Amino acid sequence: MSSTARSRSADAAPKSPNWNNDSSLFTYTRGRFVFDEARQIQQRTIRFDMNQLAQIAASSIGADHCIAVTKCPDGMYTKAYILRMNDGREVIAKVPNPNAGVPHYTTASEVATIDFMRDVLRTPAPKVHAWSSRADDNSVGAEYIIMEKAAGEPLDKFWDHMSLSDKLDVLTQVLSYYKSWLDFPFPGYGSLYYESDAGPSSLAVPISGGGPPCKRFVIGPATGRDWYDAERSSLECDRGPWTSALAYRTAISARERVAIDRLPPAKQMLMVTGPSPELYTPTPAKKISALAAFDRLLPRVLSTTNPLLVAPHLWHDDLHGENIFVDPSNPTRITAVIDWQGVQVAPLFDHHAVRPAFLDYLFDSASASGNDAAGDDDADLPPAAPDTSGMSDSDRAAALKAYFDSALCIAWRLLVRNKAPALYDLEKFQDSTEGNTLNAARRVYEYGESLLAGLMLDLELPKDSDDGETTVIRSEMDAESSGINLMSQLQQQMGDDWPDKGLTVERDYNKIKAALTQAREVLVETAYGEDEAKKEEFRKSWPFDN
């Protein structure tokens, strides 16, 4: 071919756009935050070479080049893109935000976990085509994962329109995954990695019963959300792995103490706080004291807990309807389970393992309405069909929906009790004083020390508490409950305008900010009257930006 012909051929070859010029691909565009917005956006903005990422994605599946990049709605921890190739095929590219966790470990663990779920536990996770956990060692300038686009569509799209029997088919499949996760034995606690990515202290994971450990997969440092939320990723602390539940939970307590000591007080949306005695006022001293008492209690609680609930398990703790994909032509067939970032090996009692997240709202509704479908053994009785005679069409539809939702809750409990009794036992344990105590101690840096102290009183610990100390603890627990109730009331008053996770859509931002400010002023005037000093202290503790 002549040089002229080669030049014409090159000129005719399609060129990919320069995606690096599109700033929206790198910033947070899903909405606005009503607290600490500048920091929230900074933690979810990352610059890298999108052109290089697109070319790597194309090469990973044998395509010539990428012709289109579509950004998925922003997640709280990760950016995801749909990349379309010149041959029409599509892949997903994921890039972790700065708040996603400790560099290298979060991505390396996610890839190994996906592989383990697919290859060992036979859970339908997407196939990974290419990845890099070293931002300084690739041409993209960021960590990334290129994976197949999940077949099908999210379960959320179909769930509300499915029959009760079809929903049960989906739940039966979910329970089959749960059983495989439940049955696999792990040698310790932490997160999964390939051997070369985890470090020298890793624990080899046996993948065949009774055989020698296989070094393909190992357990290394933990990457669960609680290890890096609220700036915890910046802390120097023991992240594992651990060979005992006591060492694992002791490390969590130590992590929380380091966070309390080194990080600024955390604002959170769980409760309204303010000057005593009207509301609860968190202090570092109260948090440290509660953790010290918990550490004295911990060996006793673990030693008396069902060993299966203490044993290490790998679990997907966020199985909501957007993370489960189904076949559009047959929505009862699950095609993929996505979002494995932050999944870790932990005691079963520390997992959201009783039911998938997409069922939580049904159990919450049943509990709120006084239906015991989420409660004790009597809740396994079939619900009485509603008498809809004389009802309007809308009331009849609502009554029937409540009936079928309740029936589905009961059906799930029966499935679990008969097919996975350990999870049935787990539900009872997590609702017990011991279970609630273990849960309350996990994030004391942010909240929960008063509840934790009260729960430990219920367990008759610490033994040396005198009546005066007990009275103070009960009083502070009541004040904390009042603060939680106030925040719950505010959420109910705002309804759909409530900024879940502090996030709202752009068009509603000013309206919601004004509503939150008005609510703050009503609360401050009601609680503190003419006390200007306490008013100012309350305003400083208000979790939403002024």
Protein backbone atom coordinates (compact mmCIF):
# COMPACT_ATOMS: atom_id res chain seq x y z
CA MET A 1 0.00 0.00 0.00
CA SER A 2 1.32 3.45 -0.90
CA SER A 3 1.92 6.11 1.74
CA THR A 4 -0.97 8.12 0.27
CA ALA A 5 -3.33 5.14 0.57
CA ARG A 6 -2.20 4.51 4.13
CA SER A 7 -2.84 8.17 4.97
CA ARG A 8 -6.34 8.03 3.52
CA SER A 9 -7.03 4.82 5.44
CA ALA A 10 -5.92 6.45 8.69
CA ASP A 11 -8.03 9.52 8.00
CA ALA A 12 -11.06 7.31 7.37
CA ALA A 13 -10.64 5.33 10.59
CA PRO A 14 -13.21 6.36 13.22
CA LYS A 15 -11.84 8.27 16.16
CA SER A 16 -13.19 8.04 19.68
CA PRO A 17 -14.25 11.31 21.31
CA ASN A 18 -12.02 12.93 23.90
CA TRP A 19 -14.06 11.96 26.95
CA ASN A 20 -11.56 13.67 29.25
CA ASN A 21 -13.18 16.99 28.29
CA ASP A 22 -16.51 15.97 29.86
CA SER A 23 -16.21 17.05 33.50
CA SER A 24 -19.53 15.43 34.44
CA LEU A 25 -17.92 12.00 34.06
CA PHE A 26 -15.63 12.70 37.01
CA THR A 27 -17.76 14.70 39.46
CA TYR A 28 -20.82 13.87 41.54
CA THR A 29 -23.94 14.75 39.54
CA ARG A 30 -26.74 12.76 41.18
CA GLY A 31 -27.84 15.54 43.53
CA ARG A 32 -26.76 17.87 46.31
CA PHE A 33 -25.89 17.28 49.94
CA VAL A 34 -27.56 19.14 52.79
CA PHE A 35 -24.58 18.77 55.13
CA ASP A 36 -20.87 19.37 54.63
CA GLU A 37 -21.53 19.59 50.90
CA ALA A 38 -18.07 20.70 49.76
CA ARG A 39 -16.43 17.77 51.54
CA GLN A 40 -19.09 15.31 50.34
CA ILE A 41 -18.54 16.32 46.72
CA GLN A 42 -14.77 16.25 47.10
CA GLN A 43 -14.97 12.68 48.41
CA ARG A 44 -16.95 11.69 45.30
CA THR A 45 -14.89 13.45 42.63
CA ILE A 46 -11.98 11.74 40.89
CA ARG A 47 -10.01 12.73 37.80
CA PHE A 48 -8.44 10.09 35.57
CA ASP A 49 -7.84 9.36 31.89
CA MET A 50 -11.21 8.18 30.58
CA ASN A 51 -9.79 7.76 27.08
CA GLN A 52 -7.29 5.23 28.38
CA LEU A 53 -9.95 3.44 30.42
CA ALA A 54 -12.14 3.14 27.32
CA GLN A 55 -9.29 1.68 25.28
CA ILE A 56 -8.36 -0.80 28.00
CA ALA A 57 -12.00 -1.86 28.17
CA ALA A 58 -12.12 -2.39 24.41
CA SER A 59 -8.92 -4.44 24.43
CA SER A 60 -10.16 -6.55 27.36
CA ILE A 61 -12.92 -8.07 25.20
CA GLY A 62 -11.14 -8.00 21.85
CA ALA A 63 -12.95 -4.97 20.44
CA ASP A 64 -11.22 -2.36 18.29
CA HIS A 65 -12.29 0.75 20.15
CA CYS A 66 -14.98 2.29 22.34
CA ILE A 67 -17.57 4.51 20.66
CA ALA A 68 -19.69 5.67 23.61
CA VAL A 69 -19.35 6.25 27.34
CA THR A 70 -22.50 6.62 29.44
CA LYS A 71 -22.22 7.44 33.11
CA CYS A 72 -24.56 5.49 35.39
CA PRO A 73 -26.30 7.37 38.22
CA ASP A 74 -23.66 8.17 40.82
CA GLY A 75 -23.27 5.76 43.70
CA MET A 76 -22.14 6.90 47.11
CA TYR A 77 -18.76 5.17 46.78
CA THR A 78 -18.16 4.34 43.12
CA LYS A 79 -18.50 5.71 39.63
CA ALA A 80 -19.82 3.28 37.03
CA TYR A 81 -19.99 3.67 33.26
CA ILE A 82 -21.49 1.74 30.38
CA LEU A 83 -18.91 1.51 27.59
CA ARG A 84 -20.14 0.60 24.12
CA MET A 85 -17.69 -0.82 21.61
CA ASN A 86 -17.53 -0.50 17.85
CA ASP A 87 -18.98 -4.01 17.48
CA GLY A 88 -22.01 -3.17 19.66
CA ARG A 89 -20.91 -5.02 22.78
CA GLU A 90 -21.08 -3.25 26.14
CA VAL A 91 -19.12 -3.56 29.36
CA ILE A 92 -19.24 -1.86 32.75
CA ALA A 93 -16.29 0.16 34.02
CA LYS A 94 -16.10 0.96 37.73
CA VAL A 95 -13.80 3.50 39.37
CA PRO A 96 -13.83 3.89 43.18
CA ASN A 97 -14.36 7.35 44.66
CA PRO A 98 -11.84 8.71 47.20
CA ASN A 99 -14.25 7.70 50.00
CA ALA A 100 -14.48 4.06 48.85
CA GLY A 101 -11.77 2.82 51.18
CA VAL A 102 -8.05 2.28 51.53
CA PRO A 103 -6.26 2.44 48.14
CA HIS A 104 -5.56 -0.94 46.52
CA TYR A 105 -7.35 -3.07 49.09
CA THR A 106 -10.95 -2.14 48.27
CA THR A 107 -10.56 -2.88 44.55
CA ALA A 108 -8.35 -5.95 44.98
CA SER A 109 -10.80 -7.45 47.45
CA GLU A 110 -13.84 -6.72 45.29
CA VAL A 111 -12.29 -8.53 42.31
CA ALA A 112 -11.29 -11.58 44.34
CA THR A 113 -14.70 -11.69 46.03
CA ILE A 114 -16.51 -11.64 42.68
CA ASP A 115 -14.28 -14.45 41.41
CA PHE A 116 -14.83 -16.47 44.59
CA MET A 117 -18.59 -16.03 44.43
CA ARG A 118 -18.71 -17.07 40.77
CA ASP A 119 -16.22 -19.91 40.81
CA VAL A 120 -16.54 -21.39 44.30
CA LEU A 121 -19.99 -20.52 45.65
CA ARG A 122 -21.73 -20.44 42.24
CA THR A 123 -23.43 -17.13 42.85
CA PRO A 124 -24.10 -15.34 39.51
CA ALA A 125 -21.76 -12.36 39.88
CA PRO A 126 -20.53 -10.51 36.75
CA LYS A 127 -17.31 -11.70 35.11
CA VAL A 128 -14.30 -9.39 35.47
CA HIS A 129 -12.44 -8.73 32.19
CA ALA A 130 -9.65 -6.45 33.45
CA TRP A 131 -8.73 -4.57 36.59
CA SER A 132 -6.05 -2.60 38.36
CA SER A 133 -5.83 -1.77 42.06
CA ARG A 134 -2.71 0.40 41.70
CA ALA A 135 -3.56 3.89 40.46
CA ASP A 136 0.12 4.81 40.20
CA ASP A 137 0.92 1.77 38.08
CA ASN A 138 -1.49 2.09 35.15
CA SER A 139 -2.18 4.51 32.32
CA VAL A 140 -5.64 5.42 33.64
CA GLY A 141 -4.40 7.13 36.79
CA ALA A 142 -7.06 5.47 38.96
CA GLU A 143 -8.07 2.05 40.21
CA TYR A 144 -10.61 0.39 37.94
CA ILE A 145 -12.58 -2.77 37.22
CA ILE A 146 -13.86 -3.70 33.75
CA MET A 147 -16.61 -6.29 33.97
CA GLU A 148 -19.38 -7.74 31.90
CA LYS A 149 -22.66 -5.88 31.86
CA ALA A 150 -25.11 -7.83 34.01
CA ALA A 151 -27.64 -9.71 31.92
CA GLY A 152 -31.27 -8.77 32.46
CA GLU A 153 -32.72 -5.84 34.36
CA PRO A 154 -32.98 -4.87 38.05
CA LEU A 155 -35.55 -6.75 40.12
CA ASP A 156 -36.95 -3.41 41.30
CA LYS A 157 -38.47 -2.89 37.88
CA PHE A 158 -40.68 -5.98 38.20
CA TRP A 159 -41.15 -6.71 41.91
CA ASP A 160 -44.30 -4.68 42.61
CA HIS A 161 -46.08 -6.25 39.64
CA MET A 162 -45.18 -9.87 40.36
CA SER A 163 -47.59 -12.42 41.79
CA LEU A 164 -47.05 -13.86 45.25
CA SER A 165 -45.96 -17.21 43.79
CA ASP A 166 -43.46 -15.51 41.46
CA LYS A 167 -42.02 -13.54 44.36
CA LEU A 168 -41.62 -16.78 46.29
CA ASP A 169 -39.69 -18.23 43.35
CA VAL A 170 -37.26 -15.30 43.56
CA LEU A 171 -36.94 -15.67 47.33
CA THR A 172 -36.26 -19.38 46.98
CA GLN A 173 -33.32 -18.58 44.69
CA VAL A 174 -32.01 -15.96 47.11
CA LEU A 175 -32.23 -18.49 49.93
CA SER A 176 -30.24 -20.98 47.85
CA TYR A 177 -27.43 -18.40 47.68
CA TYR A 178 -27.75 -17.82 51.41
CA LYS A 179 -27.38 -21.52 52.09
CA SER A 180 -24.20 -21.79 50.03
CA TRP A 181 -22.76 -18.75 51.82
CA LEU A 182 -23.82 -20.20 55.15
CA ASP A 183 -22.21 -23.58 54.55
CA PHE A 184 -18.74 -22.44 53.47
CA PRO A 185 -16.13 -22.52 56.28
CA PHE A 186 -13.56 -19.73 56.49
CA PRO A 187 -10.38 -19.78 58.59
CA GLY A 188 -10.69 -16.23 59.90
CA TYR A 189 -12.13 -12.75 59.61
CA GLY A 190 -11.30 -9.95 57.15
CA SER A 191 -11.81 -9.64 53.38
CA LEU A 192 -11.01 -11.91 50.44
CA TYR A 193 -8.02 -11.37 48.13
CA TYR A 194 -5.80 -13.19 45.72
CA GLU A 195 -2.65 -14.27 47.55
CA SER A 196 -0.38 -11.71 45.85
CA ASP A 197 -2.60 -8.79 46.89
CA ALA A 198 -3.20 -9.36 50.60
CA GLY A 199 0.16 -9.12 52.35
CA PRO A 200 2.22 -11.56 54.44
CA SER A 201 -0.28 -11.99 57.30
CA SER A 202 -3.05 -13.37 55.09
CA LEU A 203 -4.90 -16.60 55.85
CA ALA A 204 -5.23 -19.20 53.08
CA VAL A 205 -8.83 -20.21 52.30
CA PRO A 206 -9.50 -23.93 51.74
CA ILE A 207 -11.89 -24.41 48.82
CA SER A 208 -12.53 -28.13 49.24
CA GLY A 209 -13.66 -29.74 52.45
CA GLY A 210 -10.85 -31.41 54.35
CA GLY A 211 -8.18 -30.64 51.75
CA PRO A 212 -5.10 -28.48 52.16
CA PRO A 213 -5.59 -24.70 52.06
CA CYS A 214 -5.65 -23.26 48.55
CA LYS A 215 -3.54 -20.13 48.19
CA ARG A 216 -5.56 -18.83 45.25
CA PHE A 217 -7.80 -17.01 47.73
CA VAL A 218 -6.74 -15.65 51.10
CA ILE A 219 -8.22 -13.52 53.86
CA GLY A 220 -6.51 -10.18 54.35
CA PRO A 221 -7.38 -6.71 55.72
CA ALA A 222 -11.07 -5.91 56.18
CA THR A 223 -12.72 -3.60 53.65
CA GLY A 224 -16.25 -3.43 55.08
CA ARG A 225 -18.02 -0.06 55.05
CA ASP A 226 -17.56 0.46 58.79
CA TRP A 227 -13.78 0.39 58.30
CA TYR A 228 -13.73 3.55 56.17
CA ASP A 229 -17.02 5.43 56.53
CA ALA A 230 -16.85 8.86 58.21
CA GLU A 231 -13.14 9.31 57.39
CA ARG A 232 -12.09 6.04 59.09
CA SER A 233 -9.99 5.10 56.05
CA SER A 234 -7.43 7.70 57.22
CA LEU A 235 -6.88 5.97 60.57
CA GLU A 236 -3.88 3.89 61.53
CA CYS A 237 -5.51 0.83 63.09
CA ASP A 238 -5.54 -2.96 63.01
CA ARG A 239 -7.58 -3.99 59.93
CA GLY A 240 -6.90 -7.70 60.19
CA PRO A 241 -7.05 -10.44 59.29
CA TRP A 242 -7.99 -12.11 62.57
CA THR A 243 -8.30 -15.75 63.56
CA SER A 244 -10.91 -15.25 66.28
CA ALA A 245 -14.14 -13.31 66.68
CA LEU A 246 -12.80 -11.86 69.93
CA ALA A 247 -9.75 -10.42 68.16
CA TYR A 248 -11.96 -9.10 65.35
CA ARG A 249 -14.42 -7.33 67.64
CA THR A 250 -11.65 -6.07 69.93
CA ALA A 251 -10.06 -4.46 66.85
CA ILE A 252 -13.37 -2.74 66.06
CA SER A 253 -13.46 -1.26 69.56
CA ALA A 254 -9.86 -0.10 69.17
CA ARG A 255 -10.68 1.45 65.79
CA GLU A 256 -13.58 3.38 67.28
CA ARG A 257 -11.36 4.68 70.10
CA VAL A 258 -8.80 5.90 67.56
CA ALA A 259 -11.57 7.60 65.57
CA ILE A 260 -12.96 9.29 68.69
CA ASP A 261 -9.47 10.49 69.62
CA ARG A 262 -8.25 11.68 66.21
CA LEU A 263 -11.26 12.66 64.11
CA PRO A 264 -13.58 15.64 64.62
CA PRO A 265 -16.97 14.83 66.20
CA ALA A 266 -19.15 13.11 63.61
CA LYS A 267 -22.44 14.68 62.59
CA GLN A 268 -25.10 12.12 61.83
CA MET A 269 -28.76 12.07 60.86
CA LEU A 270 -29.93 9.38 63.27
CA MET A 271 -30.93 11.72 66.08
CA VAL A 272 -31.20 15.32 67.21
CA THR A 273 -28.57 16.17 69.81
CA GLY A 274 -28.17 19.21 72.00
CA PRO A 275 -27.36 20.55 75.46
CA SER A 276 -28.62 18.54 78.43
CA PRO A 277 -30.98 17.90 80.07
CA GLU A 278 -33.43 18.43 77.22
CA LEU A 279 -31.49 16.34 74.71
CA TYR A 280 -28.53 13.99 74.69
CA THR A 281 -25.07 15.47 74.26
CA PRO A 282 -22.42 13.05 72.96
CA THR A 283 -18.90 13.52 74.32
CA PRO A 284 -15.65 11.64 73.67
CA ALA A 285 -15.48 10.66 77.34
CA LYS A 286 -18.92 9.02 77.25
CA LYS A 287 -18.00 7.11 74.11
CA ILE A 288 -14.68 5.88 75.50
CA SER A 289 -16.33 4.84 78.76
CA ALA A 290 -19.00 2.82 76.94
CA LEU A 291 -16.37 1.07 74.80
CA ALA A 292 -14.28 0.19 77.86
CA ALA A 293 -17.29 -1.41 79.54
CA PHE A 294 -18.15 -3.25 76.32
CA ASP A 295 -14.64 -4.67 76.02
CA ARG A 296 -15.00 -6.14 79.51
CA LEU A 297 -18.32 -7.68 78.50
CA LEU A 298 -17.31 -8.96 75.06
CA PRO A 299 -15.62 -12.29 75.98
CA ARG A 300 -18.66 -13.35 78.00
CA VAL A 301 -21.14 -12.54 75.22
CA LEU A 302 -19.12 -14.33 72.54
CA SER A 303 -18.54 -17.41 74.69
CA THR A 304 -22.28 -17.85 75.32
CA THR A 305 -23.41 -17.23 71.72
CA ASN A 306 -24.26 -20.02 69.27
CA PRO A 307 -20.88 -20.88 67.66
CA LEU A 308 -22.40 -20.85 64.16
CA LEU A 309 -23.43 -17.23 64.63
CA VAL A 310 -19.91 -16.33 65.77
CA ALA A 311 -18.18 -18.23 62.94
CA PRO A 312 -16.79 -16.28 59.95
CA HIS A 313 -19.05 -15.94 56.91
CA LEU A 314 -18.83 -14.10 53.59
CA TRP A 315 -22.09 -12.26 52.89
CA HIS A 316 -23.63 -9.66 50.57
CA ASP A 317 -25.22 -7.28 53.07
CA ASP A 318 -27.06 -5.05 50.59
CA LEU A 319 -29.29 -7.25 48.44
CA HIS A 320 -31.78 -4.57 47.43
CA GLY A 321 -33.77 -4.67 44.22
CA GLU A 322 -31.21 -2.72 42.19
CA ASN A 323 -28.43 -5.18 43.01
CA ILE A 324 -30.35 -8.25 41.83
CA PHE A 325 -30.88 -8.64 38.08
CA VAL A 326 -33.56 -10.87 36.56
CA ASP A 327 -34.56 -12.09 33.11
CA PRO A 328 -37.12 -9.59 31.69
CA SER A 329 -38.95 -12.40 29.89
CA ASN A 330 -39.05 -14.45 33.09
CA PRO A 331 -38.51 -12.18 36.12
CA THR A 332 -38.51 -15.16 38.47
CA ARG A 333 -35.05 -16.12 37.17
CA ILE A 334 -32.13 -14.28 38.75
CA THR A 335 -29.40 -13.56 36.21
CA ALA A 336 -26.86 -11.62 38.27
CA VAL A 337 -26.03 -10.20 41.69
CA ILE A 338 -23.94 -7.02 41.56
CA ASP A 339 -22.12 -4.57 43.88
CA TRP A 340 -19.59 -6.65 45.78
CA GLN A 341 -17.50 -3.70 46.98
CA GLY A 342 -16.96 -3.73 50.75
CA VAL A 343 -18.13 -7.33 51.21
CA GLN A 344 -16.18 -9.01 54.00
CA VAL A 345 -15.84 -12.17 56.07
CA ALA A 346 -17.35 -11.44 59.49
CA PRO A 347 -19.30 -13.21 62.22
CA LEU A 348 -22.78 -14.09 61.02
CA PHE A 349 -24.25 -11.85 63.74
CA ASP A 350 -22.51 -8.85 62.14
CA HIS A 351 -24.13 -9.47 58.74
CA HIS A 352 -27.46 -8.32 57.32
CA ALA A 353 -28.18 -12.00 56.75
CA VAL A 354 -31.71 -12.67 57.98
CA ARG A 355 -33.41 -11.45 54.83
CA PRO A 356 -32.55 -9.59 51.61
CA ALA A 357 -32.74 -5.81 51.83
CA PHE A 358 -35.60 -5.63 49.34
CA LEU A 359 -37.81 -7.34 51.94
CA ASP A 360 -36.93 -4.97 54.78
CA TYR A 361 -39.67 -2.47 53.98
CA LEU A 362 -42.28 -5.24 54.15
CA PHE A 363 -41.16 -6.30 57.62
CA ASP A 364 -40.95 -2.66 58.72
CA SER A 365 -44.49 -2.03 57.46
CA ALA A 366 -45.78 -5.15 59.19
CA SER A 367 -44.18 -4.11 62.46
CA ALA A 368 -45.47 -0.53 62.21
CA SER A 369 -49.01 -1.71 61.56
CA GLY A 370 -49.00 -4.01 64.58
CA ASN A 371 -48.79 -7.19 62.51
CA ASP A 372 -46.38 -9.63 64.14
CA ALA A 373 -45.09 -10.97 60.83
CA ALA A 374 -41.67 -9.72 61.77
CA GLY A 375 -41.82 -11.06 65.30
CA ASP A 376 -42.02 -14.36 67.23
CA ASP A 377 -43.00 -17.90 66.28
CA ASP A 378 -46.72 -17.10 66.32
CA ALA A 379 -46.03 -14.78 63.39
CA ASP A 380 -45.62 -17.84 61.18
CA LEU A 381 -49.38 -18.38 61.17
CA PRO A 382 -51.12 -17.39 57.92
CA PRO A 383 -52.71 -13.92 58.08
CA ALA A 384 -56.47 -13.54 58.01
CA ALA A 385 -57.79 -12.32 54.68
CA PRO A 386 -59.16 -8.76 54.91
CA ASP A 387 -62.86 -8.02 54.62
CA THR A 388 -62.93 -5.60 51.70
CA SER A 389 -66.68 -5.31 51.40
CA GLY A 390 -67.79 -1.70 51.25
CA MET A 391 -64.28 -0.41 50.60
CA SER A 392 -63.41 2.04 47.86
CA ASP A 393 -61.23 0.72 45.05
CA SER A 394 -58.14 2.44 46.46
CA ASP A 395 -58.77 1.23 50.02
CA ARG A 396 -59.42 -2.28 48.76
CA ALA A 397 -56.17 -2.27 46.78
CA ALA A 398 -54.25 -1.03 49.83
CA ALA A 399 -55.82 -3.67 52.10
CA LEU A 400 -55.04 -6.47 49.67
CA LYS A 401 -51.47 -5.25 49.21
CA ALA A 402 -50.97 -5.23 52.98
CA TYR A 403 -52.40 -8.75 53.17
CA PHE A 404 -50.14 -10.14 50.46
CA ASP A 405 -47.11 -8.33 51.86
CA SER A 406 -47.78 -9.87 55.25
CA ALA A 407 -48.21 -13.28 53.64
CA LEU A 408 -44.88 -12.86 51.87
CA CYS A 409 -43.13 -12.00 55.16
CA ILE A 410 -44.52 -15.14 56.74
CA ALA A 411 -43.61 -17.25 53.72
CA TRP A 412 -40.01 -16.02 53.93
CA ARG A 413 -39.81 -16.82 57.64
CA LEU A 414 -41.13 -20.33 57.00
CA LEU A 415 -38.65 -20.84 54.17
CA VAL A 416 -35.79 -19.76 56.40
CA ARG A 417 -36.93 -21.82 59.38
CA ASN A 418 -37.26 -24.97 57.27
CA LYS A 419 -34.33 -24.58 54.87
CA ALA A 420 -31.79 -22.47 56.80
CA PRO A 421 -32.57 -22.73 60.52
CA ALA A 422 -29.30 -20.99 61.44
CA LEU A 423 -30.66 -17.78 59.91
CA TYR A 424 -33.87 -18.25 61.87
CA ASP A 425 -31.76 -18.45 65.04
CA LEU A 426 -29.79 -15.42 63.88
CA GLU A 427 -32.95 -13.30 63.68
CA LYS A 428 -33.77 -14.11 67.29
CA PHE A 429 -30.21 -13.39 68.40
CA GLN A 430 -30.01 -10.04 66.59
CA ASP A 431 -33.24 -9.01 68.32
CA SER A 432 -31.91 -10.03 71.75
CA THR A 433 -30.15 -7.78 74.25
CA GLU A 434 -26.85 -9.50 73.48
CA GLY A 435 -27.31 -9.06 69.75
CA ASN A 436 -28.31 -5.42 70.07
CA THR A 437 -25.32 -4.80 72.33
CA LEU A 438 -22.90 -6.20 69.75
CA ASN A 439 -24.52 -4.10 67.04
CA ALA A 440 -24.52 -0.88 69.07
CA ALA A 441 -20.78 -1.17 69.73
CA ARG A 442 -19.77 -1.20 66.06
CA ARG A 443 -20.01 2.54 65.29
CA VAL A 444 -19.72 4.33 68.61
CA TYR A 445 -17.59 7.07 67.04
CA GLU A 446 -20.72 8.24 65.23
CA TYR A 447 -23.55 7.25 67.57
CA GLY A 448 -24.97 4.70 69.96
CA GLU A 449 -22.86 4.95 73.13
CA SER A 450 -25.86 5.78 75.32
CA LEU A 451 -27.87 2.89 73.89
CA LEU A 452 -24.85 0.64 74.35
CA ALA A 453 -24.49 1.64 78.00
CA GLY A 454 -28.18 1.00 78.63
CA LEU A 455 -28.07 -2.41 76.97
CA MET A 456 -25.09 -3.40 79.08
CA LEU A 457 -27.09 -2.49 82.18
CA ASP A 458 -29.75 -4.90 80.97
CA LEU A 459 -27.04 -7.55 80.86
CA GLU A 460 -26.16 -6.62 84.47
CA LEU A 461 -22.84 -5.16 83.48
CA PRO A 462 -20.78 -3.39 84.54
CA LYS A 463 -21.30 -5.11 87.89
CA ASP A 464 -19.73 -2.26 89.87
CA SER A 465 -22.27 0.38 88.75
CA ASP A 466 -23.89 2.08 91.70
CA ASP A 467 -27.40 3.51 91.72
CA GLY A 468 -26.16 6.96 90.79
CA GLU A 469 -24.35 5.72 87.69
CA THR A 470 -27.34 3.62 86.71
CA THR A 471 -29.66 6.60 86.99
CA VAL A 472 -27.39 8.71 84.78
CA ILE A 473 -27.14 5.99 82.14
CA ARG A 474 -30.91 5.48 82.06
CA SER A 475 -31.47 9.23 81.86
CA GLU A 476 -29.04 9.62 78.97
CA MET A 477 -30.55 6.65 77.18
CA ASP A 478 -33.97 8.30 77.47
CA ALA A 479 -32.54 11.57 76.15
CA GLU A 480 -30.96 9.77 73.21
CA SER A 481 -34.29 8.06 72.48
CA SER A 482 -35.98 11.45 72.54
CA GLY A 483 -33.46 12.73 70.00
CA ILE A 484 -34.07 9.73 67.76
CA ASN A 485 -37.82 10.26 68.00
CA LEU A 486 -37.46 13.95 67.13
CA MET A 487 -35.45 13.13 64.01
CA SER A 488 -37.97 10.44 63.09
CA GLN A 489 -40.82 12.93 63.47
CA LEU A 490 -38.98 15.41 61.27
CA GLN A 491 -38.51 12.72 58.64
CA GLN A 492 -42.21 11.88 58.73
CA GLN A 493 -43.19 15.54 58.48
CA MET A 494 -41.01 16.07 55.42
CA GLY A 495 -42.18 12.87 53.75
CA ASP A 496 -40.75 12.50 50.25
CA ASP A 497 -38.72 15.68 50.77
CA TRP A 498 -36.59 14.00 53.44
CA PRO A 499 -32.94 14.01 52.26
CA ASP A 500 -32.07 10.33 52.62
CA LYS A 501 -28.33 9.98 53.38
CA GLY A 502 -28.20 13.77 53.28
CA LEU A 503 -28.87 13.81 49.54
CA THR A 504 -31.54 15.62 47.54
CA VAL A 505 -32.14 16.42 43.89
CA GLU A 506 -30.89 19.76 42.60
CA ARG A 507 -34.33 21.28 41.97
CA ASP A 508 -35.47 20.69 45.57
CA TYR A 509 -32.26 21.75 47.29
CA ASN A 510 -33.25 25.29 48.34
CA LYS A 511 -36.72 24.19 49.43
CA ILE A 512 -35.37 21.36 51.58
CA LYS A 513 -32.63 23.50 53.09
CA ALA A 514 -35.25 26.08 54.07
CA ALA A 515 -37.48 23.39 55.60
CA LEU A 516 -34.59 21.99 57.64
CA THR A 517 -33.63 25.45 58.88
CA GLN A 518 -37.22 26.16 59.88
CA ALA A 519 -37.42 22.83 61.72
CA ARG A 520 -34.19 23.63 63.56
CA GLU A 521 -35.50 26.99 64.75
CA VAL A 522 -38.79 25.47 65.94
CA LEU A 523 -36.86 22.87 67.93
CA VAL A 524 -34.42 25.38 69.40
CA GLU A 525 -37.16 27.75 70.52
CA THR A 526 -39.23 24.92 72.01
CA ALA A 527 -36.33 23.34 73.88
CA TYR A 528 -34.34 26.35 75.08
CA GLY A 529 -36.61 29.38 75.18
CA GLU A 530 -34.53 32.43 76.15
CA ASP A 531 -31.27 30.58 76.79
CA GLU A 532 -29.17 32.00 73.95
CA ALA A 533 -26.05 30.05 74.88
CA LYS A 534 -27.84 26.71 74.64
CA LYS A 535 -29.53 27.81 71.43
CA GLU A 536 -26.17 28.48 69.84
CA GLU A 537 -24.79 25.17 71.10
CA PHE A 538 -27.80 23.38 69.63
CA ARG A 539 -27.35 25.08 66.25
CA LYS A 540 -23.71 23.94 66.15
CA SER A 541 -24.75 20.34 66.74
CA TRP A 542 -27.48 20.45 64.07
CA PRO A 543 -26.35 17.91 61.44
CA PHE A 544 -27.48 19.90 58.42
CA ASP A 545 -25.59 22.88 57.03
CA ASN A 546 -26.73 26.27 58.33
